[in-house]
Amino acid sequence: MYVSILTGRVAKENWLPLERSFEREVTKHPPAGLMDAYLVQSEDDPTAWQVVSIWATKMDFKNYKTTEQTDVFVELLCDGGTVPHRLGFVAVGRYERV
């Protein structure tokens, strides 16, 4: 499993448009290979937002990054008024309550 975390700051007037864009672009039209995605907002600093995307493999993420498809996650935060930065993580453990 591969996890990408995209972080940026979003001005208050862009919070609702960002949420709507995430719903429209990610939830209704997810990129191929995407297993799960979260749009999260910090309680400690409400201008701090992240898009956490979970991919089955790092290769799925790399394949997505090499397509001509716009990186919708970057676009979402850019539209929200920020220049985001991304960190990638390889999952080394997992717990899921069933």
N, C-alpha and C. Protein backbone atom coordinates (compact mmCIF):
# COMPACT_ATOMS: atom_id res chain seq x y z
N MET A 1 0.84 -1.16 0.00
CA MET A 1 0.00 0.00 0.00
C MET A 1 0.90 1.24 0.00
N TYR A 2 0.46 2.28 -0.72
CA TYR A 2 1.20 3.52 -0.81
C TYR A 2 0.28 4.67 -0.42
N VAL A 3 0.81 5.59 0.38
CA VAL A 3 0.02 6.72 0.86
C VAL A 3 0.69 8.01 0.41
N SER A 4 -0.09 8.88 -0.20
CA SER A 4 0.38 10.20 -0.60
C SER A 4 -0.35 11.23 0.26
N ILE A 5 0.41 12.16 0.85
CA ILE A 5 -0.19 13.21 1.66
C ILE A 5 0.21 14.55 1.06
N LEU A 6 -0.79 15.26 0.59
CA LEU A 6 -0.61 16.56 -0.03
C LEU A 6 -1.08 17.61 0.97
N THR A 7 -0.22 18.57 1.31
CA THR A 7 -0.50 19.54 2.36
C THR A 7 -0.47 20.95 1.80
N GLY A 8 -1.42 21.77 2.25
CA GLY A 8 -1.43 23.16 1.84
C GLY A 8 -2.28 24.00 2.79
N ARG A 9 -2.18 25.30 2.63
CA ARG A 9 -2.98 26.25 3.41
C ARG A 9 -4.10 26.77 2.52
N VAL A 10 -5.28 26.88 3.10
CA VAL A 10 -6.45 27.31 2.34
C VAL A 10 -7.14 28.43 3.10
N ALA A 11 -7.36 29.55 2.43
CA ALA A 11 -8.05 30.69 3.04
C ALA A 11 -9.50 30.31 3.34
N LYS A 12 -10.05 30.89 4.39
CA LYS A 12 -11.39 30.53 4.86
C LYS A 12 -12.45 30.61 3.75
N GLU A 13 -12.35 31.63 2.90
CA GLU A 13 -13.36 31.78 1.84
C GLU A 13 -13.28 30.66 0.80
N ASN A 14 -12.21 29.87 0.83
CA ASN A 14 -12.07 28.76 -0.12
C ASN A 14 -12.39 27.39 0.47
N TRP A 15 -12.75 27.34 1.76
CA TRP A 15 -13.01 26.05 2.39
C TRP A 15 -14.18 25.32 1.73
N LEU A 16 -15.31 25.97 1.61
CA LEU A 16 -16.49 25.32 1.03
C LEU A 16 -16.27 24.97 -0.43
N PRO A 17 -15.70 25.87 -1.25
CA PRO A 17 -15.41 25.46 -2.62
C PRO A 17 -14.46 24.26 -2.71
N LEU A 18 -13.48 24.19 -1.79
CA LEU A 18 -12.57 23.04 -1.77
C LEU A 18 -13.32 21.76 -1.46
N GLU A 19 -14.19 21.80 -0.46
CA GLU A 19 -14.98 20.62 -0.10
C GLU A 19 -15.86 20.18 -1.27
N ARG A 20 -16.48 21.13 -1.93
CA ARG A 20 -17.35 20.81 -3.07
C ARG A 20 -16.53 20.23 -4.23
N SER A 21 -15.35 20.80 -4.47
CA SER A 21 -14.49 20.30 -5.54
C SER A 21 -14.04 18.88 -5.25
N PHE A 22 -13.68 18.59 -4.00
CA PHE A 22 -13.26 17.24 -3.62
C PHE A 22 -14.40 16.26 -3.89
N GLU A 23 -15.60 16.64 -3.47
CA GLU A 23 -16.77 15.77 -3.68
C GLU A 23 -17.00 15.54 -5.18
N ARG A 24 -16.95 16.59 -5.95
CA ARG A 24 -17.24 16.51 -7.39
C ARG A 24 -16.14 15.77 -8.15
N GLU A 25 -14.89 16.10 -7.88
CA GLU A 25 -13.79 15.57 -8.68
C GLU A 25 -13.23 14.24 -8.20
N VAL A 26 -13.19 14.03 -6.90
CA VAL A 26 -12.55 12.82 -6.37
C VAL A 26 -13.58 11.74 -6.06
N THR A 27 -14.60 12.11 -5.32
CA THR A 27 -15.57 11.09 -4.90
C THR A 27 -16.39 10.56 -6.07
N LYS A 28 -16.73 11.42 -7.00
CA LYS A 28 -17.56 10.98 -8.13
C LYS A 28 -16.75 10.50 -9.32
N HIS A 29 -15.48 10.93 -9.42
CA HIS A 29 -14.63 10.54 -10.55
C HIS A 29 -13.23 10.18 -10.05
N PRO A 30 -13.11 9.12 -9.25
CA PRO A 30 -11.78 8.78 -8.69
C PRO A 30 -10.82 8.31 -9.77
N PRO A 31 -9.55 8.67 -9.63
CA PRO A 31 -8.54 8.18 -10.57
C PRO A 31 -8.41 6.66 -10.48
N ALA A 32 -8.05 6.04 -11.57
CA ALA A 32 -7.83 4.59 -11.58
C ALA A 32 -6.73 4.24 -10.59
N GLY A 33 -6.92 3.19 -9.82
CA GLY A 33 -5.92 2.74 -8.86
C GLY A 33 -6.06 3.33 -7.47
N LEU A 34 -6.90 4.35 -7.33
CA LEU A 34 -7.10 4.97 -6.02
C LEU A 34 -8.01 4.09 -5.17
N MET A 35 -7.53 3.73 -3.97
CA MET A 35 -8.33 2.90 -3.07
C MET A 35 -9.19 3.74 -2.13
N ASP A 36 -8.64 4.84 -1.65
CA ASP A 36 -9.32 5.65 -0.64
C ASP A 36 -8.72 7.04 -0.66
N ALA A 37 -9.50 8.05 -0.29
CA ALA A 37 -8.98 9.41 -0.21
C ALA A 37 -9.75 10.18 0.85
N TYR A 38 -9.02 11.06 1.53
CA TYR A 38 -9.61 11.89 2.58
C TYR A 38 -9.20 13.33 2.37
N LEU A 39 -10.12 14.23 2.55
CA LEU A 39 -9.83 15.66 2.62
C LEU A 39 -9.95 16.02 4.09
N VAL A 40 -8.85 16.45 4.70
CA VAL A 40 -8.85 16.71 6.14
C VAL A 40 -8.41 18.15 6.42
N GLN A 41 -9.00 18.68 7.50
CA GLN A 41 -8.71 20.04 7.94
C GLN A 41 -8.24 19.98 9.39
N SER A 42 -7.17 20.70 9.70
CA SER A 42 -6.62 20.71 11.05
C SER A 42 -7.56 21.43 12.01
N GLU A 43 -7.76 20.84 13.18
CA GLU A 43 -8.52 21.51 14.23
C GLU A 43 -7.67 22.60 14.90
N ASP A 44 -6.35 22.38 14.95
CA ASP A 44 -5.45 23.32 15.61
C ASP A 44 -5.17 24.55 14.75
N ASP A 45 -5.12 24.36 13.44
CA ASP A 45 -4.89 25.45 12.50
C ASP A 45 -5.82 25.24 11.32
N PRO A 46 -7.04 25.79 11.37
CA PRO A 46 -8.05 25.51 10.35
C PRO A 46 -7.65 25.87 8.92
N THR A 47 -6.59 26.65 8.73
CA THR A 47 -6.15 26.94 7.36
C THR A 47 -5.27 25.82 6.80
N ALA A 48 -4.88 24.87 7.64
CA ALA A 48 -4.04 23.74 7.21
C ALA A 48 -4.93 22.59 6.76
N TRP A 49 -4.78 22.20 5.50
CA TRP A 49 -5.57 21.13 4.90
C TRP A 49 -4.64 20.08 4.31
N GLN A 50 -5.15 18.85 4.21
CA GLN A 50 -4.41 17.77 3.56
C GLN A 50 -5.36 16.94 2.72
N VAL A 51 -4.82 16.42 1.63
CA VAL A 51 -5.50 15.39 0.86
C VAL A 51 -4.66 14.14 1.05
N VAL A 52 -5.25 13.14 1.70
CA VAL A 52 -4.58 11.87 1.97
C VAL A 52 -5.16 10.86 0.98
N SER A 53 -4.31 10.34 0.11
CA SER A 53 -4.79 9.36 -0.86
C SER A 53 -4.06 8.04 -0.64
N ILE A 54 -4.82 6.96 -0.74
CA ILE A 54 -4.30 5.62 -0.47
C ILE A 54 -4.42 4.79 -1.75
N TRP A 55 -3.29 4.25 -2.15
CA TRP A 55 -3.19 3.49 -3.39
C TRP A 55 -2.80 2.05 -3.05
N ALA A 56 -3.22 1.11 -3.86
CA ALA A 56 -2.91 -0.30 -3.62
C ALA A 56 -1.40 -0.53 -3.62
N THR A 57 -0.70 0.09 -4.56
CA THR A 57 0.75 -0.05 -4.65
C THR A 57 1.38 1.29 -5.05
N LYS A 58 2.66 1.40 -4.82
CA LYS A 58 3.38 2.59 -5.26
C LYS A 58 3.33 2.70 -6.78
N MET A 59 3.34 1.56 -7.46
CA MET A 59 3.28 1.55 -8.91
C MET A 59 1.95 2.12 -9.41
N ASP A 60 0.85 1.83 -8.72
CA ASP A 60 -0.44 2.42 -9.09
C ASP A 60 -0.35 3.94 -9.04
N PHE A 61 0.27 4.46 -7.98
CA PHE A 61 0.43 5.91 -7.84
C PHE A 61 1.33 6.45 -8.94
N LYS A 62 2.46 5.78 -9.19
CA LYS A 62 3.39 6.24 -10.23
C LYS A 62 2.72 6.21 -11.61
N ASN A 63 1.94 5.17 -11.88
CA ASN A 63 1.23 5.09 -13.16
C ASN A 63 0.26 6.25 -13.30
N TYR A 64 -0.42 6.59 -12.23
CA TYR A 64 -1.34 7.72 -12.24
C TYR A 64 -0.58 9.02 -12.50
N LYS A 65 0.58 9.18 -11.86
CA LYS A 65 1.36 10.41 -12.00
C LYS A 65 1.91 10.59 -13.41
N THR A 66 2.08 9.50 -14.16
CA THR A 66 2.65 9.60 -15.50
C THR A 66 1.59 9.76 -16.58
N THR A 67 0.31 9.70 -16.20
CA THR A 67 -0.74 9.87 -17.20
C THR A 67 -0.90 11.35 -17.53
N GLU A 68 -1.61 11.62 -18.57
CA GLU A 68 -1.88 13.00 -18.94
C GLU A 68 -3.00 13.59 -18.09
N GLN A 69 -3.62 12.76 -17.27
CA GLN A 69 -4.69 13.23 -16.40
C GLN A 69 -4.10 14.25 -15.40
N THR A 70 -4.79 15.36 -15.23
CA THR A 70 -4.34 16.38 -14.28
C THR A 70 -4.35 15.79 -12.89
N ASP A 71 -3.35 16.13 -12.09
CA ASP A 71 -3.32 15.68 -10.71
C ASP A 71 -4.41 16.43 -9.95
N VAL A 72 -5.56 15.81 -9.83
CA VAL A 72 -6.73 16.46 -9.25
C VAL A 72 -6.48 16.92 -7.82
N PHE A 73 -5.62 16.22 -7.08
CA PHE A 73 -5.36 16.59 -5.69
C PHE A 73 -4.59 17.91 -5.62
N VAL A 74 -3.59 18.07 -6.45
CA VAL A 74 -2.84 19.32 -6.49
C VAL A 74 -3.76 20.44 -6.96
N GLU A 75 -4.53 20.16 -7.99
CA GLU A 75 -5.45 21.16 -8.53
C GLU A 75 -6.45 21.63 -7.47
N LEU A 76 -6.94 20.71 -6.67
CA LEU A 76 -7.90 21.07 -5.62
C LEU A 76 -7.31 22.09 -4.65
N LEU A 77 -6.09 21.83 -4.17
CA LEU A 77 -5.48 22.75 -3.22
C LEU A 77 -5.04 24.05 -3.89
N CYS A 78 -4.59 23.97 -5.14
CA CYS A 78 -4.24 25.21 -5.86
C CYS A 78 -5.49 26.07 -6.04
N ASP A 79 -6.60 25.45 -6.40
CA ASP A 79 -7.85 26.20 -6.53
C ASP A 79 -8.29 26.76 -5.18
N GLY A 80 -7.87 26.11 -4.10
CA GLY A 80 -8.19 26.59 -2.76
C GLY A 80 -7.29 27.73 -2.32
N GLY A 81 -6.32 28.10 -3.14
CA GLY A 81 -5.49 29.26 -2.85
C GLY A 81 -4.13 28.94 -2.26
N THR A 82 -3.60 27.76 -2.48
CA THR A 82 -2.32 27.39 -1.89
C THR A 82 -1.42 26.71 -2.91
N VAL A 83 -0.14 26.68 -2.63
CA VAL A 83 0.80 25.89 -3.41
C VAL A 83 1.17 24.71 -2.51
N PRO A 84 0.60 23.54 -2.77
CA PRO A 84 0.78 22.40 -1.87
C PRO A 84 2.13 21.71 -2.05
N HIS A 85 2.49 20.93 -1.03
CA HIS A 85 3.65 20.05 -1.15
C HIS A 85 3.21 18.63 -0.81
N ARG A 86 3.91 17.65 -1.39
CA ARG A 86 3.51 16.25 -1.26
C ARG A 86 4.62 15.44 -0.62
N LEU A 87 4.20 14.55 0.26
CA LEU A 87 5.09 13.53 0.80
C LEU A 87 4.48 12.17 0.48
N GLY A 88 5.32 11.21 0.16
CA GLY A 88 4.86 9.85 -0.11
C GLY A 88 5.34 8.90 0.96
N PHE A 89 4.52 7.93 1.28
CA PHE A 89 4.83 6.97 2.34
C PHE A 89 4.48 5.56 1.87
N VAL A 90 5.33 4.61 2.21
CA VAL A 90 5.03 3.20 1.99
C VAL A 90 4.48 2.67 3.31
N ALA A 91 3.30 2.08 3.27
CA ALA A 91 2.69 1.55 4.49
C ALA A 91 3.46 0.32 4.95
N VAL A 92 3.84 0.30 6.22
CA VAL A 92 4.57 -0.83 6.78
C VAL A 92 3.73 -1.61 7.78
N GLY A 93 2.56 -1.10 8.08
CA GLY A 93 1.64 -1.80 8.98
C GLY A 93 0.25 -1.28 8.74
N ARG A 94 -0.73 -2.09 9.14
CA ARG A 94 -2.11 -1.68 8.91
C ARG A 94 -3.02 -2.38 9.92
N TYR A 95 -4.03 -1.67 10.35
CA TYR A 95 -5.09 -2.26 11.17
C TYR A 95 -6.42 -1.79 10.59
N GLU A 96 -7.36 -2.70 10.47
CA GLU A 96 -8.68 -2.35 9.98
C GLU A 96 -9.72 -3.06 10.84
N ARG A 97 -10.60 -2.30 11.44
CA ARG A 97 -11.68 -2.87 12.24
C ARG A 97 -12.79 -3.33 11.31
N VAL A 98 -13.20 -4.56 11.46
CA VAL A 98 -14.29 -5.10 10.64
C VAL A 98 -15.45 -5.54 11.48
